[in-house]
Protein backbone atom coordinates (compact mmCIF):
# COMPACT_ATOMS: atom_id res chain seq x y z
CA MET A 1 0.00 0.00 0.00
CA VAL A 2 1.18 3.51 -0.76
CA ASP A 3 2.71 5.37 2.16
CA ASP A 4 0.95 8.51 3.44
CA SER A 5 4.00 10.54 2.51
CA TYR A 6 2.96 10.16 -1.13
CA ILE A 7 -0.17 12.22 -0.53
CA ARG A 8 -0.88 15.57 1.09
CA VAL A 9 -4.47 16.74 1.41
CA SER A 10 -5.13 20.18 -0.04
CA LYS A 11 -8.19 22.22 -1.04
CA GLU A 12 -6.05 24.35 -3.32
CA TYR A 13 -5.59 21.51 -5.80
CA PHE A 14 -9.08 20.09 -5.57
CA PRO A 15 -10.00 19.54 -9.24
CA GLN A 16 -12.85 21.56 -10.73
CA THR A 17 -14.42 18.37 -12.06
CA LEU A 18 -15.11 17.17 -8.52
CA GLY A 19 -15.85 20.52 -6.92
CA ASN A 20 -19.56 19.88 -6.39
CA THR A 21 -19.43 16.18 -5.59
CA PHE A 22 -18.34 16.40 -1.95
CA LYS A 23 -20.02 18.15 0.95
CA SER A 24 -18.03 21.13 2.18
CA SER A 25 -16.79 19.18 5.18
CA SER A 26 -15.19 16.67 2.83
CA LEU A 27 -13.52 19.05 0.39
CA THR A 28 -10.15 18.26 1.88
CA ALA A 29 -10.60 14.61 0.94
CA TYR A 30 -8.69 14.95 -2.30
CA ILE A 31 -4.99 15.16 -2.92
CA GLU A 32 -2.09 17.30 -3.87
CA MET A 33 0.47 15.03 -5.42
CA ILE A 34 3.97 15.64 -4.16
CA GLY A 35 6.01 17.20 -6.92
CA SER A 36 4.82 19.28 -9.85
CA LYS A 37 4.75 16.21 -12.10
CA TRP A 38 1.88 14.44 -10.35
CA ARG A 39 -0.02 17.66 -9.71
CA HIS A 40 0.26 18.67 -13.36
CA LEU A 41 -1.19 15.38 -14.61
CA VAL A 42 -4.10 15.33 -12.16
CA LEU A 43 -5.10 18.96 -12.67
CA GLY A 44 -4.48 18.76 -16.40
CA ALA A 45 -7.07 16.02 -16.69
CA LYS A 46 -9.83 18.58 -16.17
CA TRP A 47 -9.12 19.89 -19.66
CA ASP A 48 -10.00 16.52 -21.14
CA ARG A 49 -13.69 16.82 -20.38
CA THR A 50 -16.09 19.16 -18.66
CA ILE A 51 -18.41 17.63 -16.10
CA VAL A 52 -21.50 19.64 -15.13
CA PRO A 53 -24.05 18.96 -12.34
CA ILE A 54 -26.72 17.35 -14.48
CA PHE A 55 -29.07 14.53 -13.49
CA GLU A 56 -29.60 11.16 -15.06
CA ALA A 57 -33.05 11.06 -16.57
CA ALA A 58 -33.76 7.73 -14.85
CA GLY A 59 -33.41 9.44 -11.50
CA ARG A 60 -29.79 8.56 -10.79
CA SER A 61 -28.94 12.06 -9.65
CA ARG A 62 -25.90 11.37 -7.52
CA CYS A 63 -22.43 12.56 -8.42
CA ILE A 64 -19.53 10.17 -7.97
CA PRO A 65 -16.08 11.51 -6.99
CA LEU A 66 -13.44 10.20 -9.39
CA PHE A 67 -9.68 10.02 -9.34
CA LYS A 68 -9.16 11.55 -12.76
CA THR A 69 -5.71 11.86 -14.26
CA LEU A 70 -3.69 11.80 -17.43
CA LEU A 71 -1.13 9.04 -17.81
CA SER A 72 1.05 11.51 -19.69
CA ASN A 73 0.85 15.06 -21.03
CA ARG A 74 3.48 14.42 -23.69
CA CYS A 75 1.67 14.89 -26.98
CA SER A 76 2.61 14.45 -30.62
CA ASN A 77 -0.50 16.32 -31.76
CA ASP A 78 -0.74 20.08 -32.19
CA CYS A 79 -4.43 20.81 -31.56
CA LEU A 80 -5.01 24.55 -31.69
CA TYR A 81 -7.02 24.79 -28.44
CA CYS A 82 -5.11 22.41 -26.18
CA MET A 83 -2.85 23.30 -23.26
CA PHE A 84 -0.78 20.18 -24.00
CA ARG A 85 -0.29 20.78 -27.74
CA ARG A 86 3.06 19.69 -29.11
CA ASP A 87 4.46 23.17 -29.75
CA ARG A 88 3.50 24.66 -26.38
CA ASN A 89 6.33 25.13 -23.93
CA ILE A 90 5.16 23.41 -20.73
CA GLU A 91 6.46 20.85 -18.28
CA ARG A 92 6.12 17.35 -19.75
CA CYS A 93 5.66 14.39 -17.46
CA ARG A 94 4.07 10.98 -17.10
CA TRP A 95 2.98 8.62 -14.36
CA ASP A 96 4.94 5.62 -13.27
CA PRO A 97 2.22 2.93 -13.68
CA GLU A 98 2.97 1.19 -10.38
CA LYS A 99 2.81 4.43 -8.43
CA LEU A 100 -0.43 5.39 -10.17
CA ILE A 101 -2.01 2.06 -9.25
CA LYS A 102 -0.96 2.38 -5.62
CA VAL A 103 -2.28 5.94 -5.35
CA ALA A 104 -5.60 4.95 -6.95
CA LEU A 105 -6.05 2.01 -4.57
CA TYR A 106 -5.10 4.20 -1.61
CA LEU A 107 -7.70 6.83 -2.51
CA VAL A 108 -10.37 4.17 -2.97
CA LYS A 109 -9.51 2.50 0.34
CA LYS A 110 -9.73 5.84 2.16
CA ARG A 111 -13.05 6.50 0.40
CA TYR A 112 -11.80 9.77 -1.02
CA VAL A 113 -12.92 8.61 -4.46
CA ARG A 114 -15.32 6.01 -5.83
CA GLY A 115 -13.96 5.61 -9.31
CA VAL A 116 -10.95 5.98 -11.61
CA PHE A 117 -10.88 7.90 -14.89
CA LEU A 118 -7.76 7.43 -16.98
CA SER A 119 -6.96 9.59 -19.98
CA SER A 120 -3.79 10.69 -21.70
CA SER A 121 -2.26 12.90 -24.30
CA VAL A 122 -1.33 11.08 -27.50
CA ASP A 123 2.39 10.46 -27.18
CA GLY A 124 3.02 8.80 -30.56
CA ASP A 125 1.22 5.57 -31.38
CA PRO A 126 -2.45 5.66 -30.23
CA ASP A 127 -2.43 1.89 -29.73
CA LYS A 128 0.52 2.16 -27.35
CA VAL A 129 -1.16 4.91 -25.32
CA THR A 130 -4.51 3.11 -25.10
CA GLU A 131 -2.80 -0.15 -24.13
CA GLU A 132 -0.98 1.64 -21.31
CA GLU A 133 -4.35 2.74 -19.94
CA ILE A 134 -5.70 -0.80 -20.29
CA LEU A 135 -2.71 -2.31 -18.47
CA VAL A 136 -3.29 0.00 -15.50
CA ALA A 137 -7.00 -0.88 -15.45
CA GLU A 138 -6.30 -4.61 -15.71
CA GLU A 139 -3.82 -4.43 -12.84
CA LEU A 140 -6.35 -2.57 -10.70
CA ARG A 141 -8.80 -5.41 -11.32
CA ARG A 142 -6.16 -8.03 -10.54
CA ARG A 143 -5.54 -6.36 -7.20
CA GLY A 144 -9.18 -6.61 -6.26
CA TYR A 145 -10.61 -3.26 -7.35
CA ARG A 146 -14.22 -3.75 -8.46
CA GLY A 147 -15.31 -0.13 -8.69
CA TYR A 148 -15.92 2.22 -11.59
CA ILE A 149 -13.24 2.58 -14.30
CA HIS A 150 -13.49 4.95 -17.25
CA LEU A 151 -10.91 4.75 -20.05
CA ARG A 152 -10.54 7.33 -22.77
CA ILE A 153 -9.74 5.66 -26.09
CA MET A 154 -7.28 7.43 -28.38
CA PRO A 155 -8.36 8.32 -31.95
CA GLY A 156 -7.35 5.57 -34.37
CA THR A 157 -7.02 2.84 -31.73
CA SER A 158 -7.18 -0.70 -33.12
CA ARG A 159 -10.42 -2.62 -32.74
CA HIS A 160 -8.94 -5.43 -30.64
CA LEU A 161 -7.70 -2.94 -28.05
CA ILE A 162 -11.10 -1.27 -27.90
CA TYR A 163 -12.66 -4.66 -27.11
CA ARG A 164 -10.00 -5.32 -24.50
CA ALA A 165 -10.70 -1.95 -22.89
CA ALA A 166 -14.43 -2.68 -22.98
CA GLU A 167 -13.95 -5.85 -20.96
CA VAL A 168 -12.09 -4.20 -18.11
CA ALA A 169 -13.78 -0.77 -18.00
CA ASP A 170 -17.26 0.34 -17.02
CA ARG A 171 -17.19 3.17 -19.54
CA ILE A 172 -15.08 4.06 -22.57
CA GLY A 173 -15.22 6.83 -25.13
CA VAL A 174 -13.48 8.63 -27.96
CA ASN A 175 -13.60 12.42 -28.02
CA ILE A 176 -15.25 13.65 -31.21
CA GLU A 177 -13.98 17.21 -30.47
CA SER A 178 -16.38 18.93 -32.91
CA PRO A 179 -19.78 18.18 -34.45
CA VAL A 180 -18.48 19.41 -37.80
CA ALA A 181 -15.78 17.57 -39.76
CA GLY A 182 -14.42 20.80 -41.26
CA ILE A 183 -13.95 22.39 -37.84
CA PHE A 184 -12.37 19.19 -36.53
CA TYR A 185 -9.73 19.28 -39.26
CA SER A 186 -8.98 22.94 -38.60
CA ILE A 187 -8.53 22.61 -34.83
CA CYS A 188 -7.10 19.05 -34.73
CA PRO A 189 -4.78 18.89 -37.76
CA ASP A 190 -2.92 15.80 -36.50
CA LYS A 191 -5.74 13.58 -35.18
CA GLY A 192 -6.38 11.75 -38.42
CA SER A 193 -9.64 11.10 -40.23
CA TYR A 194 -12.86 12.33 -38.64
CA ARG A 195 -14.71 9.43 -40.19
CA ASN A 196 -12.20 6.62 -39.75
CA ASP A 197 -10.23 7.58 -36.64
CA ILE A 198 -13.07 9.11 -34.63
CA LEU A 199 -16.53 7.97 -35.76
CA LYS A 200 -15.37 4.48 -36.73
CA ARG A 201 -13.77 4.02 -33.30
CA LEU A 202 -17.01 5.08 -31.63
CA GLU A 203 -18.75 2.48 -33.77
CA TYR A 204 -16.29 -0.16 -32.53
CA CYS A 205 -17.00 0.96 -28.96
CA TYR A 206 -20.73 0.52 -29.48
CA ARG A 207 -20.26 -2.88 -31.12
CA ALA A 208 -18.24 -3.96 -28.10
CA TYR A 209 -21.01 -2.71 -25.83
CA ARG A 210 -23.58 -4.82 -27.69
CA ASP A 211 -21.35 -7.88 -27.92
CA LEU A 212 -20.65 -7.85 -24.18
CA ALA A 213 -24.31 -7.72 -23.13
CA GLU A 214 -24.35 -11.27 -21.75
CA LYS A 215 -21.11 -10.89 -19.80
CA ARG A 216 -22.36 -7.57 -18.47
CA MET A 217 -25.37 -9.36 -17.01
CA GLU A 218 -23.12 -11.88 -15.27
CA SER A 219 -20.49 -9.49 -13.91
CA GLY A 220 -20.78 -6.82 -11.25
CA TYR A 221 -18.15 -4.60 -12.83
CA GLY A 222 -16.59 -3.80 -16.19
CA TYR A 223 -18.00 -4.79 -19.57
CA LEU A 224 -19.22 -1.24 -20.24
CA ARG A 225 -21.93 -1.21 -17.60
CA SER A 226 -21.99 2.59 -17.96
CA GLY A 227 -21.91 2.60 -21.73
CA VAL A 228 -20.02 4.68 -24.30
CA ILE A 229 -19.59 8.46 -24.27
CA THR A 230 -17.94 11.24 -26.24
CA GLN A 231 -17.11 14.92 -25.88
CA MET A 232 -17.22 17.87 -28.24
CA ILE A 233 -15.91 21.38 -27.77
CA ILE A 234 -18.49 24.10 -28.33
CA GLY A 235 -17.82 27.73 -29.18
CA LEU A 236 -15.50 27.23 -32.15
CA GLY A 237 -17.81 28.25 -34.97
CA GLU A 238 -20.41 25.49 -34.94
CA THR A 239 -24.14 26.18 -34.63
CA ASP A 240 -26.56 24.54 -32.23
CA VAL A 241 -28.29 23.01 -35.23
CA GLU A 242 -25.05 21.23 -36.14
CA VAL A 243 -24.56 20.13 -32.54
CA LEU A 244 -28.11 18.77 -32.34
CA GLU A 245 -27.88 16.90 -35.63
CA THR A 246 -24.58 15.27 -34.67
CA THR A 247 -25.80 14.50 -31.16
CA HIS A 248 -28.92 12.83 -32.54
CA LYS A 249 -26.78 10.71 -34.84
CA LEU A 250 -24.49 9.72 -31.96
CA ILE A 251 -27.49 8.66 -29.88
CA THR A 252 -29.41 6.78 -32.56
CA GLU A 253 -26.61 5.27 -34.67
CA TYR A 254 -23.76 4.90 -32.18
CA GLY A 255 -25.77 4.16 -29.05
CA LEU A 256 -23.95 6.71 -26.91
CA ARG A 257 -24.97 6.92 -23.27
CA ARG A 258 -24.01 10.57 -23.07
CA VAL A 259 -22.49 13.40 -25.06
CA TYR A 260 -20.46 15.96 -23.12
CA TYR A 261 -20.26 19.58 -24.26
CA SER A 262 -17.06 21.36 -23.25
CA PRO A 263 -17.28 25.17 -23.59
CA PHE A 264 -14.23 26.56 -25.33
CA THR A 265 -11.93 28.56 -23.07
CA PRO A 266 -8.91 30.30 -24.64
CA ILE A 267 -5.55 29.17 -23.28
CA HIS A 268 -2.48 31.36 -23.21
CA ASN A 269 0.23 30.59 -25.74
CA THR A 270 -2.02 28.66 -28.11
CA PRO A 271 -3.16 29.74 -31.59
CA LEU A 272 -6.66 30.40 -30.23
CA GLU A 273 -5.62 32.42 -27.18
CA ASN A 274 -7.32 35.57 -28.52
CA LYS A 275 -10.54 33.87 -29.55
CA PRO A 276 -13.51 34.74 -27.29
CA PRO A 277 -14.75 31.98 -24.98
CA CYS A 278 -17.97 30.09 -25.53
CA VAL A 279 -21.12 32.01 -24.63
CA GLU A 280 -21.93 31.38 -20.98
CA GLY A 281 -24.79 28.95 -20.44
CA ARG A 282 -24.73 27.48 -23.93
CA ASP A 283 -23.55 24.11 -22.66
CA TYR A 284 -26.44 24.00 -20.19
CA THR A 285 -28.93 24.57 -23.02
CA LEU A 286 -27.34 21.81 -25.09
CA TYR A 287 -27.44 19.39 -22.17
CA GLN A 288 -31.16 20.07 -21.89
CA ALA A 289 -31.56 19.26 -25.58
CA PHE A 290 -29.55 16.06 -25.20
CA TYR A 291 -31.71 14.78 -22.37
CA LEU A 292 -34.92 15.78 -24.11
CA MET A 293 -33.92 13.71 -27.14
CA LYS A 294 -32.52 10.73 -25.28
CA TYR A 295 -34.93 10.35 -22.37
CA TYR A 296 -37.95 12.60 -22.82
CA GLY A 297 -39.24 11.55 -26.22
CA PHE A 298 -38.50 14.75 -28.13
CA ARG A 299 -37.70 14.34 -31.81
CA LEU A 300 -34.80 16.09 -33.47
CA ASP A 301 -37.09 18.15 -35.71
CA GLU A 302 -39.05 19.38 -32.69
CA LEU A 303 -35.88 20.84 -31.18
CA LEU A 304 -34.67 22.22 -34.50
CA ASP A 305 -37.96 24.11 -34.78
CA LEU A 306 -37.00 26.00 -31.61
CA THR A 307 -33.79 27.38 -33.14
CA LYS A 308 -33.33 30.84 -34.60
CA ASN A 309 -30.34 31.64 -36.79
CA GLY A 310 -29.00 28.21 -35.97
CA MET A 311 -29.07 28.63 -32.19
CA LEU A 312 -31.35 27.39 -29.43
CA PRO A 313 -33.08 29.89 -27.14
CA LYS A 314 -31.85 30.37 -23.60
CA GLY A 315 -33.93 29.16 -20.71
CA ASN A 316 -36.04 26.07 -20.11
CA LEU A 317 -36.48 24.34 -23.47
CA LYS A 318 -39.53 22.43 -22.28
CA LYS A 319 -41.25 25.70 -21.42
CA VAL A 320 -40.25 27.26 -24.73
CA TYR A 321 -41.65 24.26 -26.58
CA ALA A 322 -44.88 24.37 -24.55
CA GLU A 323 -45.36 28.07 -25.27
CA GLN A 324 -44.92 27.47 -28.99
CA HIS A 325 -47.32 24.50 -28.93
CA ARG A 326 -50.10 25.72 -26.67
CA TYR A 327 -52.64 23.57 -28.46
CA LEU A 328 -51.11 20.52 -26.73
CA TYR A 329 -52.18 21.80 -23.31
CA PRO A 330 -53.82 21.41 -20.88
CA ILE A 331 -53.38 17.66 -20.44
CA ASP A 332 -55.92 15.50 -18.63
CA LEU A 333 -53.85 13.87 -15.89
CA ASN A 334 -56.33 11.06 -15.44
CA ASN A 335 -55.96 9.90 -19.04
CA ALA A 336 -52.40 10.96 -19.90
CA SER A 337 -49.69 8.53 -21.00
CA TYR A 338 -46.17 8.47 -19.61
CA TRP A 339 -44.86 10.33 -22.66
CA ASP A 340 -47.60 12.96 -22.43
CA LEU A 341 -46.58 13.63 -18.85
CA ILE A 342 -42.83 13.59 -19.24
CA ARG A 343 -42.89 16.21 -22.01
CA MET A 344 -44.74 18.61 -19.72
CA PRO A 345 -42.65 21.41 -18.09
CA GLY A 346 -41.87 20.58 -14.49
CA VAL A 347 -42.40 16.84 -14.89
CA GLY A 348 -39.57 14.30 -14.94
CA PRO A 349 -39.60 10.50 -14.95
CA ARG A 350 -40.14 10.20 -11.21
CA THR A 351 -43.07 12.62 -11.12
CA ALA A 352 -44.63 11.03 -14.20
CA ARG A 353 -44.46 7.60 -12.60
CA LYS A 354 -45.99 8.89 -9.35
CA ILE A 355 -48.96 10.33 -11.24
CA LEU A 356 -49.43 7.20 -13.35
CA ASN A 357 -49.19 4.90 -10.34
CA ALA A 358 -51.75 6.94 -8.44
CA VAL A 359 -54.20 6.96 -11.35
CA ASN A 360 -53.71 3.24 -12.00
CA GLU A 361 -54.43 2.53 -8.34
CA GLY A 362 -57.77 4.31 -8.66
CA HIS A 363 -56.87 7.69 -7.17
CA LYS A 364 -58.58 10.10 -9.53
CA ILE A 365 -57.01 13.56 -9.60
CA ARG A 366 -59.94 15.99 -9.32
CA ASP A 367 -58.37 19.11 -7.83
CA PHE A 368 -55.14 20.73 -6.66
CA ARG A 369 -55.22 18.93 -3.31
CA ASP A 370 -55.40 15.54 -5.00
CA LEU A 371 -52.37 16.43 -7.10
CA GLU A 372 -50.53 17.85 -4.10
CA LYS A 373 -50.91 14.58 -2.22
CA ILE A 374 -49.14 12.79 -5.07
CA VAL A 375 -46.31 15.12 -6.08
CA GLY A 376 -46.16 17.78 -3.35
CA TYR A 377 -47.10 21.45 -3.18
CA GLN A 378 -44.19 23.01 -5.08
CA LYS A 379 -44.33 20.53 -7.95
CA SER A 380 -48.11 20.91 -8.20
CA ARG A 381 -47.79 24.69 -8.55
CA LYS A 382 -45.27 24.30 -11.37
CA ILE A 383 -47.40 22.02 -13.51
CA MET A 384 -50.94 23.32 -12.82
CA LYS A 385 -50.98 25.65 -15.84
CA TYR A 386 -50.37 22.67 -18.13
CA VAL A 387 -52.98 20.25 -16.75
CA ARG A 388 -56.72 19.74 -16.78
CA LEU A 389 -58.35 18.16 -13.75
CA SER A 390 -61.43 15.97 -14.13
CA PRO A 391 -64.25 16.75 -11.66
C-alpha cells in the first residue's frame, strides 16, 4: 500500500471536475500530489472533459467523486485549443504505472474517491497509449478493485484494443472534439480522419457494448456497464443546429450513453488564445436538448424548430416548446400517457411515474389537493398551468 508521505491533502488543488461532488466538510478529501509532475497530470485532466451537475433522466442524480488523471501530457498532436499541444512550452511528465495504481487504490480504500478515470495525451502511437491505460486498469482489477473505471480511447485505436478496454472498464469513449468535420480538421490537424479515426472508433465501442451484453449481465463490474460516451468542444464556430444533428446521430446510430459539451476557453500561448470563450450557459442549453432527445421523447425536428439563426433559445427548453405549442395543453392527468406527462414542463420520470401509479391505483385527480398529495405542493404549482383536472 502507498505510504501517506505520497499524498498531502489540499483544497487548493481540488479539481474543478469534482468541486460539487463532496459536501463542504469533505472538500479536503482529495490530494495534492507531491512534486509538480503528479499535480500537473491530475489537474491537467480537467481539460479533457467538462463535467456539469446534471441529473440522469432515470433518477440517478448522484455525483460520484473520481480520481481523474492523465497518464502523460506528452503529446505528438498540435491541436489549436489544447494546453498540451506539441508546440507549447510546458512541463512534460508521465505517471509511473505502479505508483499510479498504488495511489488509486489508496484513494479508494480511504473512500476519497469512488472511481478511476484514466486519460492521456497522444504520445506517438495511439495503440501504445490506449494499451498503457488498459494495463493499468487490468492491474487494478487483478488487485481486487471492483469499482468504476473509465478509459478514454485514443483516436485511431485498433479494434482489438477497444474490445479489451471494454472488458475491463465500465465506460469508454473517444472524443469527437467537434460536431463538424471541417472544424475538426482545422482545430485538430494531426488527429487523423474524422470518419475513420473518430466515428469508426465510436462504432467499434458501441459494437463492443452490444457484444458484451451477456457478460455484463453476469459481472458486477466492467463490460461497459456505464456505456459509451464522447465529448465535443463548443464555441469554435459550430451552430446549435449542427450540434443537435450530430448528437442525434451519436445517440441513434452509435448508441452513446451521453455526449459531453465542453465550452471553449482560450488558453495562453495557443493559436486560439485571442478567440472569445464560448457564450456562458450554452452548454447548459445543449445538455437540456440532449436529455430531451434521449430520455424525454422529443424528436430532433421538434428541437430544431426551436432554433433561430442556428441557435437554441436560452432558458427552459420544455417551457419554450410548450409556449410554442399551446394547443397541446392542458393535459388530462387522469388519461395521460407516460410520454404525455414527461414532455410537460416541471415533470420528470419520477413525477410522471408517481402520477401514473396513483391513477392506476384508482386515485382520480380531481383538484389541486389531489395532485398535491401525489407530487407535493411546489411541484403541483409548477405544472398546474399545463394540466386539466377531471371533476
